[in-house]
Amino acid sequence: MVAELANFARAEGGYRSLYLHTYAASPGAEALWRSVGKLVLDERTETGGDKETLHFEVPMV
């Protein structure tokens, strides 16, 4: 799934990275996205955040 998304973005051109978010409570989601990208914001640690959303960046290599 991630590879297909990256292929689509490459074909469209102009992208340097993929940015996505997921919910920390989704089974397996955090581990999956940590394995392919870099965590850039964990709203569980933010004051006023929704306390569930994790934001990831996947570089376009």
N, C-alpha and C. Protein backbone atom coordinates (compact mmCIF):
# COMPACT_ATOMS: atom_id res chain seq x y z
N MET A 1 0.83 -1.18 0.00
CA MET A 1 0.00 0.00 0.00
C MET A 1 0.88 1.25 0.00
N VAL A 2 1.88 1.28 0.88
CA VAL A 2 2.76 2.44 0.95
C VAL A 2 3.55 2.59 -0.35
N ALA A 3 4.02 1.48 -0.88
CA ALA A 3 4.78 1.52 -2.14
C ALA A 3 3.92 2.05 -3.28
N GLU A 4 2.68 1.65 -3.35
CA GLU A 4 1.78 2.14 -4.40
C GLU A 4 1.53 3.63 -4.26
N LEU A 5 1.35 4.09 -3.05
CA LEU A 5 1.17 5.52 -2.82
C LEU A 5 2.41 6.30 -3.25
N ALA A 6 3.58 5.78 -2.88
CA ALA A 6 4.84 6.43 -3.27
C ALA A 6 4.99 6.44 -4.79
N ASN A 7 4.65 5.35 -5.46
CA ASN A 7 4.72 5.29 -6.92
C ASN A 7 3.80 6.33 -7.56
N PHE A 8 2.60 6.47 -7.03
CA PHE A 8 1.65 7.46 -7.53
C PHE A 8 2.23 8.87 -7.37
N ALA A 9 2.78 9.16 -6.19
CA ALA A 9 3.33 10.50 -5.93
C ALA A 9 4.52 10.78 -6.85
N ARG A 10 5.37 9.77 -7.08
CA ARG A 10 6.50 9.95 -7.99
C ARG A 10 6.01 10.25 -9.40
N ALA A 11 4.98 9.53 -9.84
CA ALA A 11 4.44 9.72 -11.20
C ALA A 11 3.85 11.12 -11.36
N GLU A 12 3.24 11.64 -10.31
CA GLU A 12 2.67 12.98 -10.35
C GLU A 12 3.76 14.04 -10.35
N GLY A 13 4.88 13.75 -9.70
CA GLY A 13 6.02 14.66 -9.66
C GLY A 13 5.89 15.76 -8.63
N GLY A 14 7.04 16.28 -8.22
CA GLY A 14 7.07 17.43 -7.33
C GLY A 14 6.98 17.13 -5.84
N TYR A 15 6.85 15.88 -5.46
CA TYR A 15 6.73 15.54 -4.05
C TYR A 15 8.09 15.15 -3.47
N ARG A 16 8.37 15.60 -2.25
CA ARG A 16 9.60 15.23 -1.56
C ARG A 16 9.34 14.19 -0.48
N SER A 17 8.10 14.13 0.00
CA SER A 17 7.76 13.17 1.04
C SER A 17 6.26 12.95 1.05
N LEU A 18 5.87 11.87 1.70
CA LEU A 18 4.46 11.58 1.96
C LEU A 18 4.20 11.97 3.40
N TYR A 19 3.05 12.54 3.68
CA TYR A 19 2.70 12.93 5.04
C TYR A 19 1.36 12.28 5.35
N LEU A 20 1.28 11.64 6.49
CA LEU A 20 0.03 10.97 6.83
C LEU A 20 -0.20 11.03 8.33
N HIS A 21 -1.39 10.72 8.70
CA HIS A 21 -1.69 10.62 10.12
C HIS A 21 -2.53 9.38 10.37
N THR A 22 -2.43 8.89 11.59
CA THR A 22 -3.20 7.72 11.99
C THR A 22 -3.59 7.88 13.44
N TYR A 23 -4.48 7.05 13.90
CA TYR A 23 -4.90 7.09 15.29
C TYR A 23 -4.10 6.07 16.08
N ALA A 24 -3.57 6.51 17.20
CA ALA A 24 -2.73 5.65 18.04
C ALA A 24 -3.48 4.40 18.50
N ALA A 25 -4.78 4.49 18.63
CA ALA A 25 -5.57 3.35 19.12
C ALA A 25 -5.85 2.30 18.05
N SER A 26 -5.54 2.59 16.79
CA SER A 26 -5.78 1.62 15.72
C SER A 26 -4.77 0.47 15.86
N PRO A 27 -5.25 -0.76 16.00
CA PRO A 27 -4.34 -1.88 16.20
C PRO A 27 -3.29 -2.00 15.09
N GLY A 28 -2.02 -1.98 15.47
CA GLY A 28 -0.93 -2.15 14.53
C GLY A 28 -0.53 -0.93 13.74
N ALA A 29 -1.33 0.13 13.77
CA ALA A 29 -1.07 1.30 12.92
C ALA A 29 0.22 2.01 13.29
N GLU A 30 0.44 2.24 14.57
CA GLU A 30 1.64 2.97 14.97
C GLU A 30 2.90 2.20 14.58
N ALA A 31 2.93 0.91 14.83
CA ALA A 31 4.11 0.10 14.48
C ALA A 31 4.34 0.08 12.97
N LEU A 32 3.27 -0.03 12.20
CA LEU A 32 3.41 -0.03 10.74
C LEU A 32 4.04 1.26 10.26
N TRP A 33 3.49 2.39 10.65
CA TRP A 33 3.99 3.66 10.14
C TRP A 33 5.36 4.00 10.69
N ARG A 34 5.68 3.58 11.89
CA ARG A 34 7.04 3.77 12.41
C ARG A 34 8.05 2.97 11.58
N SER A 35 7.62 1.85 11.01
CA SER A 35 8.54 1.02 10.24
C SER A 35 8.85 1.61 8.87
N VAL A 36 8.04 2.55 8.38
CA VAL A 36 8.27 3.12 7.05
C VAL A 36 8.51 4.63 7.05
N GLY A 37 8.26 5.27 8.18
CA GLY A 37 8.40 6.72 8.21
C GLY A 37 8.92 7.24 9.53
N LYS A 38 8.94 8.55 9.63
CA LYS A 38 9.43 9.24 10.82
C LYS A 38 8.25 9.93 11.50
N LEU A 39 8.12 9.70 12.79
CA LEU A 39 7.09 10.39 13.57
C LEU A 39 7.47 11.85 13.69
N VAL A 40 6.59 12.74 13.26
CA VAL A 40 6.88 14.18 13.35
C VAL A 40 6.02 14.88 14.40
N LEU A 41 4.91 14.27 14.78
CA LEU A 41 4.07 14.86 15.84
C LEU A 41 3.25 13.75 16.49
N ASP A 42 3.35 13.68 17.80
CA ASP A 42 2.55 12.74 18.58
C ASP A 42 1.61 13.59 19.43
N GLU A 43 0.35 13.65 19.05
CA GLU A 43 -0.59 14.52 19.75
C GLU A 43 -0.91 14.03 21.15
N ARG A 44 -0.47 12.83 21.49
CA ARG A 44 -0.65 12.36 22.86
C ARG A 44 0.21 13.17 23.82
N THR A 45 1.23 13.84 23.30
CA THR A 45 2.14 14.63 24.14
C THR A 45 1.88 16.12 24.05
N GLU A 46 0.93 16.53 23.25
CA GLU A 46 0.66 17.95 23.03
C GLU A 46 -0.47 18.46 23.91
N THR A 47 -0.28 19.63 24.47
CA THR A 47 -1.34 20.28 25.21
C THR A 47 -2.40 20.75 24.22
N GLY A 48 -3.63 20.40 24.44
CA GLY A 48 -4.71 20.82 23.56
C GLY A 48 -4.87 19.97 22.32
N GLY A 49 -4.03 18.97 22.15
CA GLY A 49 -4.17 18.07 21.00
C GLY A 49 -5.33 17.11 21.23
N ASP A 50 -5.64 16.33 20.21
CA ASP A 50 -6.76 15.41 20.36
C ASP A 50 -6.38 14.15 21.12
N LYS A 51 -5.08 14.00 21.40
CA LYS A 51 -4.56 12.89 22.21
C LYS A 51 -4.66 11.53 21.54
N GLU A 52 -4.95 11.49 20.25
CA GLU A 52 -5.06 10.21 19.55
C GLU A 52 -4.29 10.17 18.24
N THR A 53 -3.98 11.31 17.67
CA THR A 53 -3.44 11.34 16.32
C THR A 53 -1.91 11.36 16.32
N LEU A 54 -1.35 10.53 15.43
CA LEU A 54 0.08 10.48 15.20
C LEU A 54 0.33 10.93 13.77
N HIS A 55 1.31 11.79 13.57
CA HIS A 55 1.62 12.33 12.25
C HIS A 55 2.99 11.80 11.81
N PHE A 56 3.06 11.28 10.59
CA PHE A 56 4.28 10.68 10.07
C PHE A 56 4.67 11.29 8.74
N GLU A 57 5.98 11.29 8.48
CA GLU A 57 6.51 11.71 7.18
C GLU A 57 7.31 10.53 6.63
N VAL A 58 7.03 10.19 5.37
CA VAL A 58 7.74 9.12 4.67
C VAL A 58 8.52 9.77 3.55
N PRO A 59 9.86 9.77 3.62
CA PRO A 59 10.63 10.41 2.57
C PRO A 59 10.47 9.71 1.23
N MET A 60 10.51 10.49 0.17
CA MET A 60 10.48 9.94 -1.18
C MET A 60 11.91 9.69 -1.60
N VAL A 61 12.33 8.47 -1.61
CA VAL A 61 13.72 8.14 -1.94
C VAL A 61 13.81 7.74 -3.39
